[in-house]
Amino acid sequence: MILNSPIRRVKKKIIRKERRHWIRPGRNNIWWKKIISGISLQDEWRENLRVSRETFDYLCNELRPKLLSYFQKKETHLRKPVRVETQVAVTLYYLSDEGRLRKVANAFGLGRSTVSTIIRQVTHVISSYFGSKFIKLPNSAQDVETLASMYYATHGFPQCIGAINGTHFSIKQPCENHTDYINRKGRYSLNVQALRDYKYNFIDVVIKWPGSVHDGRIFAYSLINQRLRDKVIPPCPKVIVDRNDPVQIAFLETLLTLYCHM
């Protein structure tokens, strides 16, 4: 016999743990206060953040309007929002120490969830608003000739505007298609293609390919290869050896010593 009574759904009551502390007892930011106030040695900046104090101040001034406008935070009676200087320092410290949230949280007296949010926000602002400003390919004959001449003067190789190669960034096992991310060493990674100029500055970066993809395939589908084929990057042929054909600009394939854990 079927009863025509409505089905009653029993809602499971979620018991949430009461927050005991905003910041765990014993966790403080004395170390960071000593550095930012100038009490600690100036060498602490490069040892912990991998930049000088001047570079750090410049980065904070450049990012400040974007961070304040893009991620507006209100001050409450419980606590104040994290300062821009602290947000930038947290991100640099995290990137320089192989991505350890617990260690960063202890160093700056913040919670791990707060540190994670700060890192995502700051890196998003850097890549969105300042990536194209500092990382860009040459698009004129003058730019190409300047890079080639400086590369020859610095490293002694003619008609070269940069060194290119792929490097693997270790990641956690992805939820989908995880076998595609296993590299030749049996680890999960992203294969990142990077191009650097004579000063070791990045002028192009490609971050989207799984670790199993070969460097040649990444270059074949890259914007660099497309611009070279379409001559958006001028070839600027030049005679290197007398009585020989002119040589166009080229890249050197070298070993990029980059390591990152995420």
Protein backbone atom coordinates (compact mmCIF):
# COMPACT_ATOMS: atom_id res chain seq x y z
CA MET A 1 0.00 0.00 0.00
CA ILE A 2 1.41 3.44 -1.02
CA LEU A 3 0.75 6.36 1.27
CA ASN A 4 0.16 9.75 -0.32
CA SER A 5 1.85 11.59 2.50
CA PRO A 6 4.66 14.03 1.70
CA ILE A 7 8.21 12.84 2.21
CA ARG A 8 9.86 14.46 5.16
CA ARG A 9 13.52 15.21 4.79
CA VAL A 10 15.55 15.19 7.92
CA LYS A 11 18.10 17.95 7.90
CA LYS A 12 21.39 17.06 9.48
CA LYS A 13 22.33 19.57 12.06
CA ILE A 14 25.81 20.91 11.49
CA ILE A 15 27.70 21.51 14.67
CA ARG A 16 30.31 24.17 14.19
CA LYS A 17 33.21 24.50 16.53
CA GLU A 18 33.30 27.76 18.39
CA ARG A 19 36.29 29.91 17.52
CA ARG A 20 38.55 29.99 20.55
CA HIS A 21 41.18 32.45 19.32
CA TRP A 22 41.62 34.94 16.50
CA ILE A 23 45.36 34.21 16.69
CA ARG A 24 46.79 31.17 18.40
CA PRO A 25 48.56 31.91 21.68
CA GLY A 26 52.34 32.14 21.23
CA ARG A 27 52.09 33.16 17.55
CA ASN A 28 53.37 36.70 17.01
CA ASN A 29 55.01 38.90 14.41
CA ILE A 30 57.95 40.22 16.44
CA TRP A 31 60.40 38.92 13.80
CA TRP A 32 58.66 40.84 11.03
CA LYS A 33 58.30 44.01 13.12
CA LYS A 34 62.05 44.08 13.74
CA ILE A 35 62.78 43.78 10.01
CA ILE A 36 60.25 46.38 8.82
CA SER A 37 61.32 48.85 11.53
CA GLY A 38 65.01 48.53 10.62
CA ILE A 39 66.16 46.92 13.88
CA SER A 40 67.38 43.80 12.13
CA LEU A 41 70.28 43.77 9.70
CA GLN A 42 69.65 44.82 6.10
CA ASP A 43 70.90 41.42 4.95
CA GLU A 44 67.70 39.92 6.39
CA TRP A 45 65.77 41.31 3.41
CA ARG A 46 67.68 39.31 0.82
CA GLU A 47 68.03 36.22 2.99
CA ASN A 48 64.28 35.94 3.69
CA LEU A 49 62.48 37.83 0.91
CA ARG A 50 65.10 37.51 -1.89
CA VAL A 51 64.90 41.27 -2.60
CA SER A 52 66.56 44.39 -1.23
CA ARG A 53 64.72 46.93 0.92
CA GLU A 54 64.65 49.37 -1.99
CA THR A 55 63.08 46.80 -4.30
CA PHE A 56 60.57 45.84 -1.62
CA ASP A 57 59.50 49.46 -1.11
CA TYR A 58 59.16 49.96 -4.86
CA LEU A 59 57.02 46.84 -5.18
CA CYS A 60 54.76 47.93 -2.31
CA ASN A 61 54.27 51.40 -3.82
CA GLU A 62 53.42 49.90 -7.21
CA LEU A 63 50.98 47.36 -5.78
CA ARG A 64 49.36 49.55 -3.13
CA PRO A 65 46.65 51.22 -5.29
CA LYS A 66 45.69 47.91 -6.90
CA LEU A 67 45.55 45.97 -3.64
CA LEU A 68 43.55 48.66 -1.86
CA SER A 69 41.07 49.10 -4.72
CA TYR A 70 40.78 45.53 -5.95
CA PHE A 71 40.57 43.87 -2.54
CA GLN A 72 38.97 46.53 -0.36
CA LYS A 73 38.86 45.48 3.28
CA LYS A 74 36.97 47.14 6.10
CA GLU A 75 38.29 47.63 9.57
CA THR A 76 36.20 46.00 12.31
CA HIS A 77 36.17 46.29 16.09
CA LEU A 78 37.77 42.84 16.27
CA ARG A 79 40.91 43.39 14.22
CA LYS A 80 42.48 45.59 11.54
CA PRO A 81 43.11 44.49 7.95
CA VAL A 82 46.60 43.31 7.05
CA ARG A 83 48.84 46.11 5.77
CA VAL A 84 50.03 46.13 2.17
CA GLU A 85 53.67 45.80 3.29
CA THR A 86 52.81 42.69 5.28
CA GLN A 87 50.84 41.20 2.39
CA VAL A 88 53.76 41.67 -0.03
CA ALA A 89 56.26 40.33 2.51
CA VAL A 90 54.09 37.27 3.21
CA THR A 91 53.92 36.48 -0.51
CA LEU A 92 57.66 36.93 -1.09
CA TYR A 93 58.51 34.87 1.99
CA TYR A 94 56.19 32.08 0.83
CA LEU A 95 57.63 32.03 -2.70
CA SER A 96 61.22 32.03 -1.44
CA ASP A 97 60.72 29.14 0.99
CA GLU A 98 59.15 26.43 -1.21
CA GLY A 99 55.59 27.25 -0.22
CA ARG A 100 55.16 26.34 3.45
CA LEU A 101 52.01 27.95 4.85
CA ARG A 102 52.61 26.91 8.45
CA LYS A 103 56.10 28.43 8.54
CA VAL A 104 54.90 31.68 6.96
CA ALA A 105 51.99 31.90 9.41
CA ASN A 106 54.32 31.47 12.38
CA ALA A 107 56.78 34.06 11.04
CA PHE A 108 54.17 36.79 10.55
CA GLY A 109 51.78 35.95 13.39
CA LEU A 110 48.87 35.16 11.05
CA GLY A 111 46.53 32.22 10.52
CA ARG A 112 47.22 29.76 7.73
CA SER A 113 43.92 30.56 6.01
CA THR A 114 44.77 34.28 6.11
CA VAL A 115 48.21 33.59 4.63
CA SER A 116 46.67 31.49 1.86
CA THR A 117 44.20 34.26 0.97
CA ILE A 118 46.90 36.93 0.96
CA ILE A 119 49.17 34.92 -1.35
CA ARG A 120 46.38 34.31 -3.86
CA GLN A 121 45.37 37.98 -3.85
CA VAL A 122 48.85 39.45 -4.23
CA THR A 123 49.97 37.02 -6.94
CA HIS A 124 46.72 37.67 -8.83
CA VAL A 125 47.29 41.43 -8.75
CA ILE A 126 50.93 41.05 -9.84
CA SER A 127 50.09 38.78 -12.78
CA SER A 128 46.99 40.73 -13.86
CA TYR A 129 48.23 44.31 -13.66
CA PHE A 130 52.01 44.14 -13.85
CA GLY A 131 52.81 40.99 -15.83
CA SER A 132 52.58 42.64 -19.23
CA LYS A 133 54.54 45.66 -18.00
CA PHE A 134 57.70 43.76 -17.11
CA ILE A 135 57.43 40.51 -19.13
CA LYS A 136 57.11 41.31 -22.83
CA LEU A 137 58.65 40.24 -26.13
CA PRO A 138 60.41 42.67 -28.50
CA ASN A 139 58.19 43.89 -31.31
CA SER A 140 60.47 46.26 -33.24
CA ALA A 141 63.75 45.95 -35.10
CA GLN A 142 65.38 48.38 -32.69
CA ASP A 143 64.38 46.29 -29.65
CA VAL A 144 65.66 43.09 -31.29
CA GLU A 145 68.98 44.64 -32.29
CA THR A 146 69.46 46.10 -28.82
CA LEU A 147 68.84 42.73 -27.14
CA ALA A 148 71.13 40.93 -29.62
CA SER A 149 73.97 43.39 -29.24
CA MET A 150 73.76 43.37 -25.44
CA TYR A 151 73.63 39.56 -25.38
CA TYR A 152 76.75 39.40 -27.54
CA ALA A 153 78.56 41.96 -25.37
CA THR A 154 77.60 40.13 -22.17
CA HIS A 155 77.85 36.46 -23.16
CA GLY A 156 79.77 36.45 -26.45
CA PHE A 157 77.09 34.79 -28.62
CA PRO A 158 75.97 36.72 -31.75
CA GLN A 159 72.44 37.14 -33.09
CA CYS A 160 70.85 35.85 -29.88
CA ILE A 161 68.19 37.72 -27.91
CA GLY A 162 67.71 35.26 -25.06
CA ALA A 163 67.98 31.80 -23.53
CA ILE A 164 64.94 29.52 -23.54
CA ASN A 165 64.07 26.21 -21.94
CA GLY A 166 61.46 24.39 -19.92
CA THR A 167 61.58 23.85 -16.19
CA HIS A 168 59.33 21.73 -13.98
CA PHE A 169 57.35 23.18 -11.07
CA SER A 170 56.27 20.49 -8.62
CA ILE A 171 52.55 20.41 -7.78
CA LYS A 172 50.17 18.22 -5.81
CA GLN A 173 48.34 15.41 -7.58
CA PRO A 174 45.52 16.98 -9.64
CA CYS A 175 41.98 15.64 -9.28
CA GLU A 176 41.44 15.24 -13.04
CA ASN A 177 43.74 13.67 -15.64
CA HIS A 178 46.47 13.33 -13.05
CA THR A 179 48.56 10.98 -15.22
CA ASP A 180 49.15 13.82 -17.71
CA TYR A 181 51.08 15.71 -15.05
CA ILE A 182 53.61 12.95 -14.32
CA ASN A 183 56.99 14.00 -15.71
CA ARG A 184 59.92 11.81 -16.74
CA LYS A 185 61.06 11.58 -13.12
CA GLY A 186 57.70 10.21 -11.99
CA ARG A 187 56.61 13.39 -10.19
CA TYR A 188 53.59 15.64 -10.65
CA SER A 189 54.58 18.96 -12.21
CA LEU A 190 53.86 21.75 -14.66
CA ASN A 191 56.33 22.19 -17.50
CA VAL A 192 56.96 25.94 -17.67
CA GLN A 193 58.69 27.49 -20.69
CA ALA A 194 60.69 30.62 -19.91
CA LEU A 195 62.75 33.00 -22.04
CA ARG A 196 65.38 35.24 -20.42
CA ASP A 197 67.44 38.09 -21.85
CA TYR A 198 71.10 39.04 -21.30
CA LYS A 199 70.32 40.38 -17.78
CA TYR A 200 68.48 37.16 -16.82
CA ASN A 201 65.18 39.03 -16.88
CA PHE A 202 62.15 37.10 -18.10
CA ILE A 203 60.70 38.39 -21.36
CA ASP A 204 58.23 35.54 -21.93
CA VAL A 205 56.72 32.79 -19.74
CA VAL A 206 54.26 30.01 -20.66
CA ILE A 207 52.55 28.32 -17.69
CA LYS A 208 49.80 25.93 -18.75
CA TRP A 209 51.28 22.61 -19.89
CA PRO A 210 51.34 19.35 -17.85
CA GLY A 211 54.65 17.85 -16.84
CA SER A 212 54.45 15.02 -19.38
CA VAL A 213 54.48 17.41 -22.37
CA HIS A 214 57.83 17.72 -24.18
CA ASP A 215 59.61 21.07 -24.44
CA GLY A 216 59.46 20.96 -28.23
CA ARG A 217 55.68 20.70 -28.27
CA ILE A 218 55.33 23.61 -25.87
CA PHE A 219 57.52 25.78 -28.11
CA ALA A 220 55.63 24.71 -31.24
CA TYR A 221 52.35 26.01 -29.80
CA SER A 222 53.83 29.04 -28.04
CA LEU A 223 53.32 32.70 -28.85
CA ILE A 224 57.05 33.09 -29.45
CA ASN A 225 57.03 30.57 -32.30
CA GLN A 226 53.94 32.16 -33.82
CA ARG A 227 55.45 35.63 -33.76
CA LEU A 228 58.69 34.37 -35.27
CA ARG A 229 56.81 32.68 -38.13
CA ASP A 230 54.68 35.75 -38.77
CA LYS A 231 57.73 38.01 -38.42
CA VAL A 232 56.02 40.06 -35.73
CA ILE A 233 59.40 39.73 -34.06
CA PRO A 234 61.69 41.12 -36.82
CA PRO A 235 64.30 38.53 -37.92
CA CYS A 236 66.98 41.22 -38.40
CA PRO A 237 69.36 39.08 -40.53
CA LYS A 238 73.05 39.87 -40.14
CA VAL A 239 76.26 38.51 -41.67
CA ILE A 240 78.31 36.87 -38.93
CA VAL A 241 81.04 35.27 -41.04
CA ASP A 242 82.32 36.88 -44.25
CA ARG A 243 81.14 35.27 -47.51
CA ASN A 244 78.33 33.45 -45.72
CA ASP A 245 74.59 33.97 -45.72
CA PRO A 246 73.04 36.35 -43.17
CA VAL A 247 71.92 34.77 -39.91
CA GLN A 248 68.56 35.63 -38.36
CA ILE A 249 68.05 36.19 -34.63
CA ALA A 250 67.80 33.04 -32.51
CA PHE A 251 67.39 31.69 -28.99
CA LEU A 252 69.79 29.58 -26.99
CA GLU A 253 68.42 26.49 -25.26
CA THR A 254 69.99 26.42 -21.81
CA LEU A 255 69.36 24.93 -18.40
CA LEU A 256 67.05 27.10 -16.31
CA THR A 257 67.80 26.67 -12.63
CA LEU A 258 64.31 27.27 -11.28
CA TYR A 259 62.69 25.23 -8.54
CA CYS A 260 59.28 25.69 -7.00
CA HIS A 261 56.98 23.57 -4.86
CA MET A 262 53.25 24.26 -4.66
